[in-house]
Amino acid sequence: MTSSTLPEEPALPEGPAEIICSAKACQQAAAWALQWNNPRIHTPERRKTWLACDDHRQHLSHFLQARSFLRDVVPLPEFDGDLGGG
């Protein structure tokens, strides 16, 4: 009689997942939280968040500012908002 074994479950990563920049194809660690909203579709108090590395902070900020969406830029260690994708 042979015993069947279940495949091992993959190990979960230890510690928090790395938080990466929101710029397309960038894999660098984020250092900044860019808080924004679109006033045409969001209430004034609603904030969405993009994350930026040092290299993409200015580019992403300019993109949002050009559309009057940017509300605040906060260093990631000081950011106390939701990073759950909003």
N, C-alpha and C. Protein backbone atom coordinates (compact mmCIF):
# COMPACT_ATOMS: atom_id res chain seq x y z
N MET A 1 0.83 -1.16 0.00
CA MET A 1 0.00 0.00 0.00
C MET A 1 0.89 1.24 0.00
N THR A 2 0.62 2.13 -0.93
CA THR A 2 1.41 3.36 -1.00
C THR A 2 0.62 4.52 -0.42
N SER A 3 1.30 5.37 0.21
CA SER A 3 0.62 6.53 0.77
C SER A 3 0.78 7.69 -0.20
N SER A 4 -0.29 8.42 -0.40
CA SER A 4 -0.17 9.59 -1.28
C SER A 4 0.13 10.80 -0.42
N THR A 5 0.94 11.66 -0.97
CA THR A 5 1.27 12.88 -0.25
C THR A 5 0.80 14.08 -1.03
N LEU A 6 0.39 15.06 -0.31
CA LEU A 6 -0.03 16.31 -0.94
C LEU A 6 1.20 17.15 -1.23
N PRO A 7 1.15 17.93 -2.31
CA PRO A 7 2.29 18.80 -2.58
C PRO A 7 2.42 19.82 -1.46
N GLU A 8 3.65 20.18 -1.19
CA GLU A 8 3.87 21.19 -0.16
C GLU A 8 3.35 22.53 -0.63
N GLU A 9 2.78 23.28 0.31
CA GLU A 9 2.33 24.63 -0.02
C GLU A 9 3.54 25.53 -0.09
N PRO A 10 3.51 26.49 -1.02
CA PRO A 10 4.66 27.38 -1.13
C PRO A 10 4.80 28.21 0.15
N ALA A 11 6.03 28.47 0.51
CA ALA A 11 6.28 29.28 1.70
C ALA A 11 5.86 30.72 1.43
N LEU A 12 5.26 31.33 2.42
CA LEU A 12 4.88 32.73 2.31
C LEU A 12 6.12 33.59 2.56
N PRO A 13 6.20 34.72 1.85
CA PRO A 13 7.37 35.57 2.08
C PRO A 13 7.37 36.10 3.51
N GLU A 14 8.56 36.24 4.05
CA GLU A 14 8.68 36.76 5.41
C GLU A 14 8.72 38.28 5.35
N GLY A 15 8.05 38.92 6.29
CA GLY A 15 8.03 40.38 6.36
C GLY A 15 7.07 40.96 5.33
N PRO A 16 6.94 42.29 5.33
CA PRO A 16 6.01 42.94 4.41
C PRO A 16 6.51 42.86 2.97
N ALA A 17 5.57 42.83 2.05
CA ALA A 17 5.93 42.82 0.63
C ALA A 17 6.56 44.17 0.29
N GLU A 18 7.48 44.16 -0.64
CA GLU A 18 8.12 45.41 -1.04
C GLU A 18 7.09 46.29 -1.74
N ILE A 19 7.13 47.55 -1.42
CA ILE A 19 6.20 48.52 -2.01
C ILE A 19 6.94 49.18 -3.16
N ILE A 20 6.43 48.99 -4.38
CA ILE A 20 7.15 49.48 -5.55
C ILE A 20 6.47 50.70 -6.18
N CYS A 21 7.21 51.39 -6.97
CA CYS A 21 6.78 52.59 -7.68
C CYS A 21 5.62 52.27 -8.62
N SER A 22 4.71 53.23 -8.77
CA SER A 22 3.55 53.08 -9.65
C SER A 22 3.85 53.38 -11.11
N ALA A 23 5.02 53.93 -11.42
CA ALA A 23 5.37 54.24 -12.80
C ALA A 23 5.42 52.95 -13.62
N LYS A 24 4.94 53.04 -14.85
CA LYS A 24 4.89 51.86 -15.71
C LYS A 24 6.26 51.21 -15.85
N ALA A 25 6.31 49.92 -15.61
CA ALA A 25 7.49 49.06 -15.74
C ALA A 25 8.59 49.33 -14.71
N CYS A 26 8.36 50.22 -13.77
CA CYS A 26 9.37 50.49 -12.74
C CYS A 26 9.25 49.44 -11.64
N GLN A 27 10.37 48.94 -11.20
CA GLN A 27 10.39 47.95 -10.13
C GLN A 27 11.16 48.45 -8.91
N GLN A 28 11.44 49.75 -8.87
CA GLN A 28 12.18 50.32 -7.75
C GLN A 28 11.27 50.47 -6.53
N ALA A 29 11.87 50.47 -5.37
CA ALA A 29 11.11 50.67 -4.14
C ALA A 29 10.56 52.09 -4.11
N ALA A 30 9.33 52.22 -3.68
CA ALA A 30 8.69 53.52 -3.57
C ALA A 30 9.25 54.28 -2.37
N ALA A 31 9.35 55.60 -2.53
CA ALA A 31 9.82 56.46 -1.45
C ALA A 31 8.82 57.57 -1.15
N TRP A 32 7.82 57.74 -2.03
CA TRP A 32 6.87 58.84 -1.93
C TRP A 32 5.45 58.35 -2.16
N ALA A 33 4.49 58.97 -1.47
CA ALA A 33 3.06 58.73 -1.70
C ALA A 33 2.49 60.00 -2.32
N LEU A 34 1.95 59.88 -3.52
CA LEU A 34 1.33 61.01 -4.20
C LEU A 34 -0.18 60.85 -4.05
N GLN A 35 -0.78 61.75 -3.30
CA GLN A 35 -2.22 61.68 -3.05
C GLN A 35 -2.94 62.57 -4.06
N TRP A 36 -3.99 62.03 -4.65
CA TRP A 36 -4.69 62.76 -5.69
C TRP A 36 -6.16 62.39 -5.70
N ASN A 37 -6.94 63.20 -6.42
CA ASN A 37 -8.31 62.84 -6.74
C ASN A 37 -8.73 63.58 -8.01
N ASN A 38 -9.71 63.02 -8.67
CA ASN A 38 -10.29 63.64 -9.85
C ASN A 38 -11.56 64.33 -9.39
N PRO A 39 -11.59 65.65 -9.34
CA PRO A 39 -12.76 66.34 -8.80
C PRO A 39 -14.04 66.13 -9.59
N ARG A 40 -13.92 65.67 -10.81
CA ARG A 40 -15.14 65.39 -11.59
C ARG A 40 -15.85 64.12 -11.13
N ILE A 41 -15.09 63.18 -10.55
CA ILE A 41 -15.72 61.91 -10.16
C ILE A 41 -15.55 61.55 -8.70
N HIS A 42 -14.67 62.25 -7.97
CA HIS A 42 -14.44 61.94 -6.56
C HIS A 42 -14.94 63.07 -5.67
N THR A 43 -15.38 62.73 -4.49
CA THR A 43 -15.73 63.75 -3.51
C THR A 43 -14.44 64.47 -3.09
N PRO A 44 -14.53 65.71 -2.62
CA PRO A 44 -13.31 66.47 -2.28
C PRO A 44 -12.41 65.79 -1.25
N GLU A 45 -12.98 65.04 -0.32
CA GLU A 45 -12.16 64.41 0.71
C GLU A 45 -11.54 63.08 0.28
N ARG A 46 -11.98 62.52 -0.83
CA ARG A 46 -11.45 61.24 -1.31
C ARG A 46 -10.03 61.40 -1.79
N ARG A 47 -9.17 60.48 -1.42
CA ARG A 47 -7.78 60.49 -1.88
C ARG A 47 -7.40 59.13 -2.43
N LYS A 48 -6.86 59.15 -3.63
CA LYS A 48 -6.26 57.95 -4.21
C LYS A 48 -4.76 58.13 -4.08
N THR A 49 -4.02 57.04 -4.16
CA THR A 49 -2.58 57.13 -3.93
C THR A 49 -1.80 56.43 -5.03
N TRP A 50 -0.84 57.14 -5.56
CA TRP A 50 0.18 56.54 -6.40
C TRP A 50 1.46 56.56 -5.60
N LEU A 51 2.30 55.57 -5.81
CA LEU A 51 3.59 55.51 -5.15
C LEU A 51 4.68 55.84 -6.15
N ALA A 52 5.72 56.51 -5.68
CA ALA A 52 6.80 56.91 -6.60
C ALA A 52 8.16 56.67 -5.96
N CYS A 53 9.08 56.22 -6.79
CA CYS A 53 10.48 56.15 -6.38
C CYS A 53 11.06 57.55 -6.56
N ASP A 54 12.29 57.76 -6.12
CA ASP A 54 12.91 59.08 -6.27
C ASP A 54 13.02 59.48 -7.74
N ASP A 55 13.28 58.52 -8.63
CA ASP A 55 13.45 58.82 -10.05
C ASP A 55 12.14 59.25 -10.73
N HIS A 56 11.00 58.76 -10.28
CA HIS A 56 9.72 59.05 -10.94
C HIS A 56 8.82 60.03 -10.20
N ARG A 57 9.26 60.50 -9.04
CA ARG A 57 8.42 61.42 -8.26
C ARG A 57 8.02 62.65 -9.08
N GLN A 58 8.98 63.31 -9.69
CA GLN A 58 8.69 64.53 -10.44
C GLN A 58 7.79 64.26 -11.64
N HIS A 59 8.06 63.20 -12.38
CA HIS A 59 7.27 62.88 -13.56
C HIS A 59 5.80 62.60 -13.20
N LEU A 60 5.60 61.76 -12.19
CA LEU A 60 4.22 61.42 -11.79
C LEU A 60 3.52 62.63 -11.19
N SER A 61 4.23 63.42 -10.41
CA SER A 61 3.64 64.64 -9.84
C SER A 61 3.21 65.60 -10.94
N HIS A 62 4.08 65.80 -11.94
CA HIS A 62 3.75 66.69 -13.06
C HIS A 62 2.51 66.20 -13.81
N PHE A 63 2.44 64.89 -14.06
CA PHE A 63 1.28 64.31 -14.74
C PHE A 63 -0.01 64.65 -14.00
N LEU A 64 0.00 64.47 -12.68
CA LEU A 64 -1.20 64.75 -11.88
C LEU A 64 -1.48 66.25 -11.77
N GLN A 65 -0.43 67.06 -11.62
CA GLN A 65 -0.61 68.50 -11.52
C GLN A 65 -1.20 69.08 -12.80
N ALA A 66 -0.77 68.59 -13.94
CA ALA A 66 -1.25 69.09 -15.23
C ALA A 66 -2.76 68.91 -15.38
N ARG A 67 -3.31 67.95 -14.65
CA ARG A 67 -4.74 67.68 -14.69
C ARG A 67 -5.48 68.23 -13.48
N SER A 68 -4.77 68.96 -12.63
CA SER A 68 -5.30 69.50 -11.37
C SER A 68 -5.80 68.40 -10.45
N PHE A 69 -5.12 67.26 -10.45
CA PHE A 69 -5.50 66.13 -9.60
C PHE A 69 -4.64 66.02 -8.33
N LEU A 70 -3.40 66.50 -8.38
CA LEU A 70 -2.47 66.31 -7.27
C LEU A 70 -2.92 67.09 -6.04
N ARG A 71 -2.98 66.41 -4.90
CA ARG A 71 -3.38 67.05 -3.65
C ARG A 71 -2.24 67.14 -2.64
N ASP A 72 -1.36 66.13 -2.61
CA ASP A 72 -0.27 66.13 -1.63
C ASP A 72 0.80 65.12 -2.03
N VAL A 73 2.04 65.40 -1.67
CA VAL A 73 3.16 64.48 -1.85
C VAL A 73 3.79 64.29 -0.47
N VAL A 74 3.83 63.04 -0.02
CA VAL A 74 4.28 62.74 1.33
C VAL A 74 5.38 61.68 1.28
N PRO A 75 6.48 61.88 2.03
CA PRO A 75 7.48 60.81 2.11
C PRO A 75 6.82 59.54 2.64
N LEU A 76 7.10 58.42 2.03
CA LEU A 76 6.42 57.17 2.39
C LEU A 76 6.49 56.83 3.87
N PRO A 77 7.62 57.06 4.56
CA PRO A 77 7.63 56.73 5.99
C PRO A 77 6.65 57.57 6.82
N GLU A 78 6.24 58.73 6.30
CA GLU A 78 5.30 59.59 7.02
C GLU A 78 3.85 59.39 6.57
N PHE A 79 3.65 58.60 5.53
CA PHE A 79 2.31 58.38 4.99
C PHE A 79 1.52 57.44 5.88
N ASP A 80 0.34 57.88 6.28
CA ASP A 80 -0.48 57.03 7.16
C ASP A 80 -1.79 56.61 6.50
N GLY A 81 -1.86 56.74 5.19
CA GLY A 81 -3.07 56.38 4.46
C GLY A 81 -3.07 54.93 4.03
N ASP A 82 -4.06 54.58 3.22
CA ASP A 82 -4.25 53.22 2.74
C ASP A 82 -3.43 52.99 1.48
N LEU A 83 -2.63 51.94 1.47
CA LEU A 83 -1.86 51.57 0.28
C LEU A 83 -2.55 50.45 -0.48
N GLY A 84 -3.79 50.16 -0.14
CA GLY A 84 -4.49 49.04 -0.74
C GLY A 84 -4.96 49.28 -2.16
N GLY A 85 -4.57 50.34 -2.78
CA GLY A 85 -4.97 50.59 -4.16
C GLY A 85 -6.31 51.27 -4.22
N GLY A 86 -6.34 52.51 -4.31
CA GLY A 86 -7.60 53.15 -4.17
C GLY A 86 -7.99 54.04 -5.19
